[in-house]
C-alpha atoms as a PDB file:
ATOM      1  CA  UNK A   1       0.000   0.000   0.000  1.00  0.00           C
ATOM      2  CA  UNK A   2       1.275   3.436  -0.875  1.00  0.00           C
ATOM      3  CA  UNK A   3       2.224   5.686   2.004  1.00  0.00           C
ATOM      4  CA  UNK A   4      -0.489   8.286   1.187  1.00  0.00           C
ATOM      5  CA  UNK A   5      -3.220   5.633   1.010  1.00  0.00           C
ATOM      6  CA  UNK A   6      -1.988   4.061   4.238  1.00  0.00           C
ATOM      7  CA  UNK A   7      -2.122   7.386   6.084  1.00  0.00           C
ATOM      8  CA  UNK A   8      -5.668   8.023   4.781  1.00  0.00           C
ATOM      9  CA  UNK A   9      -6.893   4.617   5.990  1.00  0.00           C
ATOM     10  CA  UNK A  10      -5.168   5.095   9.349  1.00  0.00           C
ATOM     11  CA  UNK A  11      -6.721   8.540   9.788  1.00  0.00           C
ATOM     12  CA  UNK A  12     -10.189   7.183   8.962  1.00  0.00           C
ATOM     13  CA  UNK A  13      -9.789   4.339  11.431  1.00  0.00           C
ATOM     14  CA  UNK A  14      -8.615   6.712  14.144  1.00  0.00           C
ATOM     15  CA  UNK A  15     -11.552   9.047  13.505  1.00  0.00           C
ATOM     16  CA  UNK A  16     -13.987   6.126  13.693  1.00  0.00           C
ATOM     17  CA  UNK A  17     -12.445   4.964  16.952  1.00  0.00           C
ATOM     18  CA  UNK A  18     -12.833   8.436  18.420  1.00  0.00           C
ATOM     19  CA  UNK A  19     -16.387   8.832  17.107  1.00  0.00           C
ATOM     20  CA  UNK A  20     -17.659   5.481  18.397  1.00  0.00           C
ATOM     21  CA  UNK A  21     -17.672   6.425  22.107  1.00  0.00           C
ATOM     22  CA  UNK A  22     -19.295   9.749  21.223  1.00  0.00           C
ATOM     23  CA  UNK A  23     -22.060   8.062  19.213  1.00  0.00           C
ATOM     24  CA  UNK A  24     -22.616   5.540  21.978  1.00  0.00           C
ATOM     25  CA  UNK A  25     -22.849   8.326  24.537  1.00  0.00           C
ATOM     26  CA  UNK A  26     -25.274  10.229  22.303  1.00  0.00           C
ATOM     27  CA  UNK A  27     -27.500   7.165  21.889  1.00  0.00           C
ATOM     28  CA  UNK A  28     -27.578   6.743  25.687  1.00  0.00           C
ATOM     29  CA  UNK A  29     -28.092  10.434  26.387  1.00  0.00           C
ATOM     30  CA  UNK A  30     -30.678   9.790  29.118  1.00  0.00           C
ATOM     31  CA  UNK A  31     -28.630   7.168  30.928  1.00  0.00           C
ATOM     32  CA  UNK A  32     -29.027   7.490  34.698  1.00  0.00           C
ATOM     33  CA  UNK A  33     -32.435   9.199  34.405  1.00  0.00           C
ATOM     34  CA  UNK A  34     -35.631   7.557  35.680  1.00  0.00           C
ATOM     35  CA  UNK A  35     -39.022   9.073  34.890  1.00  0.00           C
ATOM     36  CA  UNK A  36     -41.923   8.346  37.235  1.00  0.00           C
ATOM     37  CA  UNK A  37     -45.376   7.752  35.747  1.00  0.00           C
ATOM     38  CA  UNK A  38     -48.638   7.129  37.572  1.00  0.00           C
ATOM     39  CA  UNK A  39     -49.792   3.706  36.404  1.00  0.00           C
ATOM     40  CA  UNK A  40     -53.155   2.111  35.685  1.00  0.00           C
ATOM     41  CA  UNK A  41     -51.828  -1.281  36.771  1.00  0.00           C
ATOM     42  CA  UNK A  42     -52.006  -4.780  35.314  1.00  0.00           C
ATOM     43  CA  UNK A  43     -51.997  -5.481  31.590  1.00  0.00           C
ATOM     44  CA  UNK A  44     -52.231  -1.784  30.727  1.00  0.00           C
ATOM     45  CA  UNK A  45     -48.926  -0.883  32.373  1.00  0.00           C
ATOM     46  CA  UNK A  46     -47.287  -4.037  31.030  1.00  0.00           C
ATOM     47  CA  UNK A  47     -48.269  -3.035  27.486  1.00  0.00           C
ATOM     48  CA  UNK A  48     -46.678   0.400  27.941  1.00  0.00           C
ATOM     49  CA  UNK A  49     -43.535  -1.106  29.445  1.00  0.00           C
ATOM     50  CA  UNK A  50     -43.112  -3.311  26.404  1.00  0.00           C
ATOM     51  CA  UNK A  51     -43.959  -0.794  23.661  1.00  0.00           C
ATOM     52  CA  UNK A  52     -42.631   2.433  25.215  1.00  0.00           C
ATOM     53  CA  UNK A  53     -40.383   1.924  28.256  1.00  0.00           C
ATOM     54  CA  UNK A  54     -38.248  -0.949  26.929  1.00  0.00           C
ATOM     55  CA  UNK A  55     -37.402   0.748  23.586  1.00  0.00           C
ATOM     56  CA  UNK A  56     -36.507   3.985  25.392  1.00  0.00           C
ATOM     57  CA  UNK A  57     -34.125   2.192  27.740  1.00  0.00           C
ATOM     58  CA  UNK A  58     -32.510   0.337  24.847  1.00  0.00           C
ATOM     59  CA  UNK A  59     -32.109   3.460  22.720  1.00  0.00           C
ATOM     60  CA  UNK A  60     -31.369   6.158  25.292  1.00  0.00           C
ATOM     61  CA  UNK A  61     -30.674   4.395  28.584  1.00  0.00           C
ATOM     62  CA  UNK A  62     -33.830   6.055  29.950  1.00  0.00           C
ATOM     63  CA  UNK A  63     -35.679   4.144  32.661  1.00  0.00           C
ATOM     64  CA  UNK A  64     -39.426   4.433  33.266  1.00  0.00           C
ATOM     65  CA  UNK A  65     -41.015   3.635  36.618  1.00  0.00           C
ATOM     66  CA  UNK A  66     -44.768   2.998  36.617  1.00  0.00           C
ATOM     67  CA  UNK A  67     -46.411   3.565  39.993  1.00  0.00           C
ATOM     68  CA  UNK A  68     -49.840   1.850  39.985  1.00  0.00           C
ATOM     69  CA  UNK A  69     -52.686   3.580  41.764  1.00  0.00           C
ATOM     70  CA  UNK A  70     -55.990   5.323  41.176  1.00  0.00           C
ATOM     71  CA  UNK A  71     -55.965   8.433  39.003  1.00  0.00           C
ATOM     72  CA  UNK A  72     -58.080  10.447  41.463  1.00  0.00           C
ATOM     73  CA  UNK A  73     -55.713   9.731  44.370  1.00  0.00           C
ATOM     74  CA  UNK A  74     -52.658  10.329  42.175  1.00  0.00           C
ATOM     75  CA  UNK A  75     -54.087  13.689  41.108  1.00  0.00           C
ATOM     76  CA  UNK A  76     -54.552  14.762  44.737  1.00  0.00           C
ATOM     77  CA  UNK A  77     -50.975  13.719  45.468  1.00  0.00           C
ATOM     78  CA  UNK A  78     -49.728  15.739  42.504  1.00  0.00           C
ATOM     79  CA  UNK A  79     -51.637  18.858  43.582  1.00  0.00           C
ATOM     80  CA  UNK A  80     -50.417  18.562  47.157  1.00  0.00           C
ATOM     81  CA  UNK A  81     -46.790  18.304  46.024  1.00  0.00           C
ATOM     82  CA  UNK A  82     -46.642  20.632  43.042  1.00  0.00           C
ATOM     83  CA  UNK A  83     -43.324  22.118  44.214  1.00  0.00           C
ATOM     84  CA  UNK A  84     -41.770  18.651  44.328  1.00  0.00           C
ATOM     85  CA  UNK A  85     -43.854  16.562  41.890  1.00  0.00           C
ATOM     86  CA  UNK A  86     -44.127  12.836  42.694  1.00  0.00           C
ATOM     87  CA  UNK A  87     -44.549  12.144  38.950  1.00  0.00           C
ATOM     88  CA  UNK A  88     -42.699  13.361  35.886  1.00  0.00           C
ATOM     89  CA  UNK A  89     -45.412  12.188  33.512  1.00  0.00           C
ATOM     90  CA  UNK A  90     -49.086  11.956  34.377  1.00  0.00           C
ATOM     91  CA  UNK A  91     -51.632   9.683  32.703  1.00  0.00           C
ATOM     92  CA  UNK A  92     -55.261  10.697  32.798  1.00  0.00           C
ATOM     93  CA  UNK A  93     -58.462  10.380  30.827  1.00  0.00           C
ATOM     94  CA  UNK A  94     -60.516  13.139  29.221  1.00  0.00           C
ATOM     95  CA  UNK A  95     -62.362  14.114  32.444  1.00  0.00           C
ATOM     96  CA  UNK A  96     -59.056  14.287  34.339  1.00  0.00           C
ATOM     97  CA  UNK A  97     -57.678  16.634  31.694  1.00  0.00           C
ATOM     98  CA  UNK A  98     -60.218  19.283  32.678  1.00  0.00           C
ATOM     99  CA  UNK A  99     -58.867  19.224  36.244  1.00  0.00           C
ATOM    100  CA  UNK A 100     -55.227  19.049  35.176  1.00  0.00           C
ATOM    101  CA  UNK A 101     -55.447  22.066  32.875  1.00  0.00           C
ATOM    102  CA  UNK A 102     -57.384  24.120  35.430  1.00  0.00           C
ATOM    103  CA  UNK A 103     -54.819  23.302  38.121  1.00  0.00           C
ATOM    104  CA  UNK A 104     -51.984  24.566  35.902  1.00  0.00           C
ATOM    105  CA  UNK A 105     -49.698  21.635  36.679  1.00  0.00           C
ATOM    106  CA  UNK A 106     -49.017  20.297  33.188  1.00  0.00           C
ATOM    107  CA  UNK A 107     -47.018  21.701  30.290  1.00  0.00           C
ATOM    108  CA  UNK A 108     -48.235  22.250  26.760  1.00  0.00           C
ATOM    109  CA  UNK A 109     -46.745  19.758  24.318  1.00  0.00           C
ATOM    110  CA  UNK A 110     -46.087  20.978  20.796  1.00  0.00           C
ATOM    111  CA  UNK A 111     -44.721  19.426  17.629  1.00  0.00           C
ATOM    112  CA  UNK A 112     -41.464  21.337  18.137  1.00  0.00           C
ATOM    113  CA  UNK A 113     -40.767  19.109  21.156  1.00  0.00           C
ATOM    114  CA  UNK A 114     -42.657  16.006  20.023  1.00  0.00           C
ATOM    115  CA  UNK A 115     -42.735  15.769  16.202  1.00  0.00           C
ATOM    116  CA  UNK A 116     -45.098  12.782  16.216  1.00  0.00           C
ATOM    117  CA  UNK A 117     -47.833  15.090  17.518  1.00  0.00           C
ATOM    118  CA  UNK A 118     -48.420  15.846  13.836  1.00  0.00           C
ATOM    119  CA  UNK A 119     -49.636  12.274  13.393  1.00  0.00           C
ATOM    120  CA  UNK A 120     -52.566  12.617  15.822  1.00  0.00           C
ATOM    121  CA  UNK A 121     -55.914  12.198  14.077  1.00  0.00           C
ATOM    122  CA  UNK A 122     -58.213  15.252  13.814  1.00  0.00           C
ATOM    123  CA  UNK A 123     -60.598  15.490  16.750  1.00  0.00           C
ATOM    124  CA  UNK A 124     -58.576  13.194  19.002  1.00  0.00           C
ATOM    125  CA  UNK A 125     -56.761  15.983  20.842  1.00  0.00           C
ATOM    126  CA  UNK A 126     -59.494  17.640  22.878  1.00  0.00           C
ATOM    127  CA  UNK A 127     -57.565  20.175  24.964  1.00  0.00           C
ATOM    128  CA  UNK A 128     -55.496  22.222  22.545  1.00  0.00           C
ATOM    129  CA  UNK A 129     -51.768  21.722  23.072  1.00  0.00           C
ATOM    130  CA  UNK A 130     -52.257  20.025  26.440  1.00  0.00           C
ATOM    131  CA  UNK A 131     -51.741  16.308  26.682  1.00  0.00           C
ATOM    132  CA  UNK A 132     -50.772  13.671  24.136  1.00  0.00           C
ATOM    133  CA  UNK A 133     -53.707  11.321  23.396  1.00  0.00           C
ATOM    134  CA  UNK A 134     -52.676   7.687  22.991  1.00  0.00           C
ATOM    135  CA  UNK A 135     -55.688   5.437  23.582  1.00  0.00           C
ATOM    136  CA  UNK A 136     -59.464   5.563  23.030  1.00  0.00           C
ATOM    137  CA  UNK A 137     -62.078   3.615  24.999  1.00  0.00           C
ATOM    138  CA  UNK A 138     -65.617   3.739  23.615  1.00  0.00           C
ATOM    139  CA  UNK A 139     -68.964   3.075  25.303  1.00  0.00           C
ATOM    140  CA  UNK A 140     -71.067   0.821  23.072  1.00  0.00           C
ATOM    141  CA  UNK A 141     -74.056  -1.531  23.183  1.00  0.00           C
ATOM    142  CA  UNK A 142     -73.076  -5.212  23.339  1.00  0.00           C
ATOM    143  CA  UNK A 143     -75.066  -8.445  23.309  1.00  0.00           C
ATOM    144  CA  UNK A 144     -74.751 -12.212  23.467  1.00  0.00           C
ATOM    145  CA  UNK A 145     -75.790 -13.572  20.050  1.00  0.00           C
ATOM    146  CA  UNK A 146     -76.524 -16.986  21.565  1.00  0.00           C
ATOM    147  CA  UNK A 147     -79.603 -15.519  23.224  1.00  0.00           C
ATOM    148  CA  UNK A 148     -80.350 -12.289  21.376  1.00  0.00           C
ATOM    149  CA  UNK A 149     -81.443 -13.232  17.865  1.00  0.00           C
ATOM    150  CA  UNK A 150     -82.645  -9.808  16.710  1.00  0.00           C
ATOM    151  CA  UNK A 151     -79.438  -7.740  16.473  1.00  0.00           C
ATOM    152  CA  UNK A 152     -79.145  -4.700  18.708  1.00  0.00           C
ATOM    153  CA  UNK A 153     -78.323  -1.623  16.631  1.00  0.00           C
ATOM    154  CA  UNK A 154     -78.233   1.428  18.906  1.00  0.00           C
ATOM    155  CA  UNK A 155     -77.916   2.737  22.454  1.00  0.00           C
ATOM    156  CA  UNK A 156     -81.712   3.128  22.546  1.00  0.00           C
ATOM    157  CA  UNK A 157     -82.249  -0.603  21.986  1.00  0.00           C
ATOM    158  CA  UNK A 158     -81.445  -1.081  25.667  1.00  0.00           C
ATOM    159  CA  UNK A 159     -85.178  -0.355  26.123  1.00  0.00           C
ATOM    160  CA  UNK A 160     -86.371  -3.175  23.832  1.00  0.00           C
ATOM    161  CA  UNK A 161     -89.054  -5.353  25.409  1.00  0.00           C
ATOM    162  CA  UNK A 162     -87.256  -8.595  24.569  1.00  0.00           C
ATOM    163  CA  UNK A 163     -84.419  -7.624  26.946  1.00  0.00           C
ATOM    164  CA  UNK A 164     -86.666  -7.734  30.030  1.00  0.00           C
ATOM    165  CA  UNK A 165     -84.598  -8.696  33.075  1.00  0.00           C
ATOM    166  CA  UNK A 166     -81.487  -9.374  31.015  1.00  0.00           C
ATOM    167  CA  UNK A 167     -79.613  -6.077  30.593  1.00  0.00           C
ATOM    168  CA  UNK A 168     -76.884  -4.299  32.518  1.00  0.00           C
ATOM    169  CA  UNK A 169     -75.413  -0.805  32.411  1.00  0.00           C
ATOM    170  CA  UNK A 170     -72.462   0.752  34.196  1.00  0.00           C
ATOM    171  CA  UNK A 171     -72.934   2.382  37.607  1.00  0.00           C
ATOM    172  CA  UNK A 172     -74.551   5.810  37.425  1.00  0.00           C
ATOM    173  CA  UNK A 173     -71.523   7.637  38.880  1.00  0.00           C
ATOM    174  CA  UNK A 174     -69.164   6.341  36.188  1.00  0.00           C
ATOM    175  CA  UNK A 175     -68.273   8.275  33.072  1.00  0.00           C
ATOM    176  CA  UNK A 176     -69.306   5.236  31.064  1.00  0.00           C
ATOM    177  CA  UNK A 177     -72.849   5.681  32.315  1.00  0.00           C
ATOM    178  CA  UNK A 178     -72.810   9.430  31.642  1.00  0.00           C
ATOM    179  CA  UNK A 179     -71.608   8.831  28.084  1.00  0.00           C
ATOM    180  CA  UNK A 180     -74.440   6.322  27.709  1.00  0.00           C
ATOM    181  CA  UNK A 181     -76.864   9.132  28.529  1.00  0.00           C
ATOM    182  CA  UNK A 182     -75.224  11.285  25.851  1.00  0.00           C
ATOM    183  CA  UNK A 183     -75.629   8.487  23.327  1.00  0.00           C
ATOM    184  CA  UNK A 184     -79.300   8.070  24.224  1.00  0.00           C
ATOM    185  CA  UNK A 185     -79.873  11.822  24.083  1.00  0.00           C
ATOM    186  CA  UNK A 186     -78.194  12.079  20.695  1.00  0.00           C
ATOM    187  CA  UNK A 187     -80.374   9.304  19.244  1.00  0.00           C
ATOM    188  CA  UNK A 188     -83.590  10.823  20.551  1.00  0.00           C
ATOM    189  CA  UNK A 189     -83.329  14.520  19.735  1.00  0.00           C
ATOM    190  CA  UNK A 190     -81.507  15.637  22.873  1.00  0.00           C
ATOM    191  CA  UNK A 191     -77.995  16.899  23.581  1.00  0.00           C
ATOM    192  CA  UNK A 192     -75.542  17.531  26.389  1.00  0.00           C
ATOM    193  CA  UNK A 193     -77.735  20.508  27.329  1.00  0.00           C
ATOM    194  CA  UNK A 194     -80.907  18.407  27.225  1.00  0.00           C
ATOM    195  CA  UNK A 195     -80.713  14.798  28.393  1.00  0.00           C
ATOM    196  CA  UNK A 196     -84.437  14.568  29.114  1.00  0.00           C
ATOM    197  CA  UNK A 197     -84.964  12.329  26.036  1.00  0.00           C
ATOM    198  CA  UNK A 198     -82.270   9.996  27.372  1.00  0.00           C
ATOM    199  CA  UNK A 199     -83.905   9.813  30.797  1.00  0.00           C
ATOM    200  CA  UNK A 200     -87.225   8.893  29.163  1.00  0.00           C
ATOM    201  CA  UNK A 201     -85.544   5.996  27.372  1.00  0.00           C
ATOM    202  CA  UNK A 202     -84.005   4.876  30.661  1.00  0.00           C
ATOM    203  CA  UNK A 203     -87.446   4.934  32.274  1.00  0.00           C
ATOM    204  CA  UNK A 204     -88.718   2.572  29.586  1.00  0.00           C
ATOM    205  CA  UNK A 205     -85.587   0.425  29.928  1.00  0.00           C
ATOM    206  CA  UNK A 206     -85.868   0.078  33.708  1.00  0.00           C
ATOM    207  CA  UNK A 207     -87.603  -3.376  33.652  1.00  0.00           C
ATOM    208  CA  UNK A 208     -84.721  -4.658  31.524  1.00  0.00           C
ATOM    209  CA  UNK A 209     -81.897  -3.511  33.801  1.00  0.00           C
ATOM    210  CA  UNK A 210     -81.052  -6.078  36.445  1.00  0.00           C
ATOM    211  CA  UNK A 211     -78.005  -4.229  37.768  1.00  0.00           C
ATOM    212  CA  UNK A 212     -75.800  -1.176  37.620  1.00  0.00           C
ATOM    213  CA  UNK A 213     -72.352  -2.760  37.424  1.00  0.00           C
ATOM    214  CA  UNK A 214     -70.087  -1.094  39.985  1.00  0.00           C
ATOM    215  CA  UNK A 215     -66.899  -2.297  38.272  1.00  0.00           C
ATOM    216  CA  UNK A 216     -65.831  -3.612  34.875  1.00  0.00           C
ATOM    217  CA  UNK A 217     -64.984  -6.948  36.485  1.00  0.00           C
ATOM    218  CA  UNK A 218     -68.502  -7.219  37.890  1.00  0.00           C
ATOM    219  CA  UNK A 219     -70.045  -6.635  34.458  1.00  0.00           C
ATOM    220  CA  UNK A 220     -67.730  -9.194  32.857  1.00  0.00           C
ATOM    221  CA  UNK A 221     -68.782 -11.769  35.445  1.00  0.00           C
ATOM    222  CA  UNK A 222     -72.464 -11.084  34.781  1.00  0.00           C
ATOM    223  CA  UNK A 223     -71.980 -11.829  31.094  1.00  0.00           C
ATOM    224  CA  UNK A 224     -69.834 -14.889  31.833  1.00  0.00           C
ATOM    225  CA  UNK A 225     -72.432 -16.287  34.250  1.00  0.00           C
ATOM    226  CA  UNK A 226     -75.164 -15.556  31.676  1.00  0.00           C
ATOM    227  CA  UNK A 227     -77.047 -13.429  34.188  1.00  0.00           C
ATOM    228  CA  UNK A 228     -77.320 -10.805  31.436  1.00  0.00           C
ATOM    229  CA  UNK A 229     -77.495 -11.043  27.664  1.00  0.00           C
ATOM    230  CA  UNK A 230     -77.065  -7.394  26.703  1.00  0.00           C
ATOM    231  CA  UNK A 231     -75.849  -4.080  28.021  1.00  0.00           C
ATOM    232  CA  UNK A 232     -73.661  -1.040  27.563  1.00  0.00           C
ATOM    233  CA  UNK A 233     -69.935  -1.641  28.004  1.00  0.00           C
ATOM    234  CA  UNK A 234     -66.456  -0.541  26.943  1.00  0.00           C
ATOM    235  CA  UNK A 235     -65.327  -1.792  23.536  1.00  0.00           C
ATOM    236  CA  UNK A 236     -62.095  -3.267  24.899  1.00  0.00           C
ATOM    237  CA  UNK A 237     -64.004  -5.194  27.565  1.00  0.00           C
ATOM    238  CA  UNK A 238     -66.329  -6.625  24.926  1.00  0.00           C
ATOM    239  CA  UNK A 239     -63.243  -7.983  23.166  1.00  0.00           C
ATOM    240  CA  UNK A 240     -62.069  -9.455  26.470  1.00  0.00           C
ATOM    241  CA  UNK A 241     -65.361 -11.341  26.763  1.00  0.00           C
ATOM    242  CA  UNK A 242     -64.876 -12.752  23.258  1.00  0.00           C
ATOM    243  CA  UNK A 243     -61.411 -14.015  24.226  1.00  0.00           C
ATOM    244  CA  UNK A 244     -63.141 -15.907  27.044  1.00  0.00           C
ATOM    245  CA  UNK A 245     -65.269 -17.747  24.485  1.00  0.00           C
ATOM    246  CA  UNK A 246     -68.505 -15.762  24.664  1.00  0.00           C
ATOM    247  CA  UNK A 247     -70.289 -14.791  21.413  1.00  0.00           C
ATOM    248  CA  UNK A 248     -70.414 -11.103  22.325  1.00  0.00           C
ATOM    249  CA  UNK A 249     -71.261  -8.708  19.506  1.00  0.00           C
ATOM    250  CA  UNK A 250     -69.983  -5.108  19.602  1.00  0.00           C
ATOM    251  CA  UNK A 251     -72.475  -2.635  18.170  1.00  0.00           C
ATOM    252  CA  UNK A 252     -71.486   0.558  16.337  1.00  0.00           C
ATOM    253  CA  UNK A 253     -74.382   3.016  16.781  1.00  0.00           C
ATOM    254  CA  UNK A 254     -74.957   4.699  13.401  1.00  0.00           C
ATOM    255  CA  UNK A 255     -75.631   8.149  14.883  1.00  0.00           C
ATOM    256  CA  UNK A 256     -72.304   8.263  16.672  1.00  0.00           C
ATOM    257  CA  UNK A 257     -70.072   6.764  19.341  1.00  0.00           C
ATOM    258  CA  UNK A 258     -69.071   8.332  22.655  1.00  0.00           C
ATOM    259  CA  UNK A 259     -65.563   7.753  23.940  1.00  0.00           C
ATOM    260  CA  UNK A 260     -63.003   8.609  26.601  1.00  0.00           C
ATOM    261  CA  UNK A 261     -59.447   9.355  25.488  1.00  0.00           C
ATOM    262  CA  UNK A 262     -56.364   8.606  27.586  1.00  0.00           C
ATOM    263  CA  UNK A 263     -53.535  11.176  27.650  1.00  0.00           C
ATOM    264  CA  UNK A 264     -49.950  11.434  28.819  1.00  0.00           C
ATOM    265  CA  UNK A 265     -48.871  14.786  30.245  1.00  0.00           C
ATOM    266  CA  UNK A 266     -45.549  16.398  31.085  1.00  0.00           C
ATOM    267  CA  UNK A 267     -45.689  17.757  34.637  1.00  0.00           C
ATOM    268  CA  UNK A 268     -44.503  21.312  35.251  1.00  0.00           C
ATOM    269  CA  UNK A 269     -41.243  21.811  37.112  1.00  0.00           C
ATOM    270  CA  UNK A 270     -39.685  18.384  36.467  1.00  0.00           C
ATOM    271  CA  UNK A 271     -35.917  18.000  36.170  1.00  0.00           C
ATOM    272  CA  UNK A 272     -35.756  16.257  32.805  1.00  0.00           C
ATOM    273  CA  UNK A 273     -38.399  17.622  30.405  1.00  0.00           C
ATOM    274  CA  UNK A 274     -36.426  16.523  27.342  1.00  0.00           C
ATOM    275  CA  UNK A 275     -36.588  12.917  28.535  1.00  0.00           C
ATOM    276  CA  UNK A 276     -40.330  13.309  29.115  1.00  0.00           C
ATOM    277  CA  UNK A 277     -40.766  14.541  25.535  1.00  0.00           C
ATOM    278  CA  UNK A 278     -38.835  11.478  24.353  1.00  0.00           C
ATOM    279  CA  UNK A 279     -41.423   9.323  26.152  1.00  0.00           C
ATOM    280  CA  UNK A 280     -44.269  11.125  24.384  1.00  0.00           C
ATOM    281  CA  UNK A 281     -42.511  10.759  21.016  1.00  0.00           C
ATOM    282  CA  UNK A 282     -42.071   7.003  21.515  1.00  0.00           C
ATOM    283  CA  UNK A 283     -45.673   6.676  22.691  1.00  0.00           C
ATOM    284  CA  UNK A 284     -46.879   8.200  19.409  1.00  0.00           C
ATOM    285  CA  UNK A 285     -44.548   6.081  17.271  1.00  0.00           C
ATOM    286  CA  UNK A 286     -45.959   3.038  15.478  1.00  0.00           C
ATOM    287  CA  UNK A 287     -44.426   0.714  18.071  1.00  0.00           C
ATOM    288  CA  UNK A 288     -45.691   2.756  21.013  1.00  0.00           C
ATOM    289  CA  UNK A 289     -49.145   3.358  19.577  1.00  0.00           C
ATOM    290  CA  UNK A 290     -49.897  -0.328  18.969  1.00  0.00           C
ATOM    291  CA  UNK A 291     -48.947  -1.483  22.472  1.00  0.00           C
ATOM    292  CA  UNK A 292     -52.254  -0.914  24.285  1.00  0.00           C
ATOM    293  CA  UNK A 293     -54.478  -1.925  21.335  1.00  0.00           C
ATOM    294  CA  UNK A 294     -52.587  -5.197  20.910  1.00  0.00           C
ATOM    295  CA  UNK A 295     -53.067  -6.000  24.592  1.00  0.00           C
ATOM    296  CA  UNK A 296     -56.544  -4.617  25.263  1.00  0.00           C
ATOM    297  CA  UNK A 297     -58.075  -3.657  21.882  1.00  0.00           C
ATOM    298  CA  UNK A 298     -58.660  -0.024  22.785  1.00  0.00           C
ATOM    299  CA  UNK A 299     -58.405   2.377  19.856  1.00  0.00           C
ATOM    300  CA  UNK A 300     -55.443   4.287  18.417  1.00  0.00           C
ATOM    301  CA  UNK A 301     -55.127   8.063  18.080  1.00  0.00           C
ATOM    302  CA  UNK A 302     -52.687   8.422  15.171  1.00  0.00           C
ATOM    303  CA  UNK A 303     -52.387   7.545  11.489  1.00  0.00           C
ATOM    304  CA  UNK A 304     -50.582   4.283  12.333  1.00  0.00           C
ATOM    305  CA  UNK A 305     -51.234   1.430   9.896  1.00  0.00           C
ATOM    306  CA  UNK A 306     -53.156  -1.297  11.697  1.00  0.00           C
ATOM    307  CA  UNK A 307     -52.173  -4.951  11.268  1.00  0.00           C
ATOM    308  CA  UNK A 308     -55.089  -6.862   9.729  1.00  0.00           C
ATOM    309  CA  UNK A 309     -55.928  -8.902  12.834  1.00  0.00           C
ATOM    310  CA  UNK A 310     -55.963  -5.757  14.935  1.00  0.00           C
ATOM    311  CA  UNK A 311     -57.928  -3.771  12.379  1.00  0.00           C
ATOM    312  CA  UNK A 312     -60.739  -6.330  12.515  1.00  0.00           C
ATOM    313  CA  UNK A 313     -61.017  -6.025  16.296  1.00  0.00           C
ATOM    314  CA  UNK A 314     -60.838  -2.236  16.740  1.00  0.00           C
ATOM    315  CA  UNK A 315     -63.937  -0.063  16.702  1.00  0.00           C
ATOM    316  CA  UNK A 316     -62.289   2.909  14.959  1.00  0.00           C
ATOM    317  CA  UNK A 317     -60.623   1.035  12.109  1.00  0.00           C
ATOM    318  CA  UNK A 318     -61.500   3.134   9.052  1.00  0.00           C
ATOM    319  CA  UNK A 319     -62.174   6.781   8.103  1.00  0.00           C
ATOM    320  CA  UNK A 320     -65.935   6.101   8.165  1.00  0.00           C
ATOM    321  CA  UNK A 321     -65.759   4.656  11.658  1.00  0.00           C
ATOM    322  CA  UNK A 322     -63.502   7.446  12.902  1.00  0.00           C
ATOM    323  CA  UNK A 323     -66.067   9.973  11.640  1.00  0.00           C
ATOM    324  CA  UNK A 324     -68.592   8.444  14.074  1.00  0.00           C
ATOM    325  CA  UNK A 325     -66.598   9.535  17.134  1.00  0.00           C
ATOM    326  CA  UNK A 326     -68.662  12.244  18.773  1.00  0.00           C
ATOM    327  CA  UNK A 327     -67.129  15.340  20.355  1.00  0.00           C
ATOM    328  CA  UNK A 328     -67.748  15.728  24.085  1.00  0.00           C
ATOM    329  CA  UNK A 329     -67.774  19.035  25.948  1.00  0.00           C
ATOM    330  CA  UNK A 330     -66.120  17.591  29.027  1.00  0.00           C
ATOM    331  CA  UNK A 331     -66.328  20.757  31.083  1.00  0.00           C
ATOM    332  CA  UNK A 332     -70.090  20.923  30.552  1.00  0.00           C
ATOM    333  CA  UNK A 333     -70.485  17.205  31.218  1.00  0.00           C
ATOM    334  CA  UNK A 334     -68.626  17.528  34.523  1.00  0.00           C
ATOM    335  CA  UNK A 335     -70.809  20.502  35.463  1.00  0.00           C
ATOM    336  CA  UNK A 336     -73.940  18.391  34.788  1.00  0.00           C
ATOM    337  CA  UNK A 337     -72.595  15.212  36.352  1.00  0.00           C
ATOM    338  CA  UNK A 338     -74.217  15.403  39.793  1.00  0.00           C
ATOM    339  CA  UNK A 339     -77.648  16.272  38.417  1.00  0.00           C
ATOM    340  CA  UNK A 340     -77.510  13.460  35.840  1.00  0.00           C
ATOM    341  CA  UNK A 341     -76.463  10.894  38.445  1.00  0.00           C
ATOM    342  CA  UNK A 342     -79.293  11.952  40.712  1.00  0.00           C
ATOM    343  CA  UNK A 343     -81.883  11.675  37.923  1.00  0.00           C
ATOM    344  CA  UNK A 344     -80.608   8.290  36.763  1.00  0.00           C
ATOM    345  CA  UNK A 345     -80.582   6.893  40.296  1.00  0.00           C
ATOM    346  CA  UNK A 346     -84.111   8.180  40.827  1.00  0.00           C
ATOM    347  CA  UNK A 347     -85.301   6.285  37.739  1.00  0.00           C
ATOM    348  CA  UNK A 348     -83.594   3.013  38.667  1.00  0.00           C
ATOM    349  CA  UNK A 349     -84.619   3.042  42.331  1.00  0.00           C
ATOM    350  CA  UNK A 350     -88.276   4.068  42.032  1.00  0.00           C
END
């Protein structure tokens, strides 16, 4: 080898040797940092660990700690310790977002910090630049086709005479039940400002309703024990029942579907906001976005391409279906919540 060529090769090798540690350090730029996230527990947290936390640790050395609890208690803890936040990232659903934004304890998240924000579907980000939406749970009618031969087609079918003594709805204080009222109102000429039409349907449906399920587990058990053949439930839970061998049909009401969206938020005053933005970016990536749907069959919030098996199971799996997602004025719903619960309880108990 000529001397000039040898020197060129040697210089290139030396430069590569010097660059390698730098590149490694850059790829592990969050090494030694642990972000704390309030968790939902169980399969949900495990799905996020696999699709979000594990890739972040492999790529950046960033560790994520999920702390399971209840969102309401976690919110109180966050408010009480705003000068020394117990969480770096905070998960909450649409109703929680109203409280979080009013409390002024979360940062806006823009595409300049999290480029994948641009991939969020229209209408799936309900609070301006606050929060990154990553999962959608929808309240829908469901029924057991073994016993219900005439297909249920709408929220209002909960009042059908053939369901006497065989239907269940979620407890009146839950947001699932309140969204059910919105669905009934929408189908019968009402609105969030006028749920009287919905309450009239519930009055007719009263002989059908054997229980107000206090928990999702309780409603699942009612369907499994064949105590009920129809009801209003979360779309992901309907899928869970199918995995247990029950012929449960998920209904897509043609006038629209009411849903709750789950968000991740960056808490104000944390030490490592850049690492928190990296979490949000991974969450909105294809890998991150498919984690929860693959585990629980709740809907996606971005333009991610759905694998065929997943596409068949998800409620919002096409532009036409996505167009059925109804907008909810969460602040107004929360303001009406107590009155609606009281009216619904009055109907069921009398």
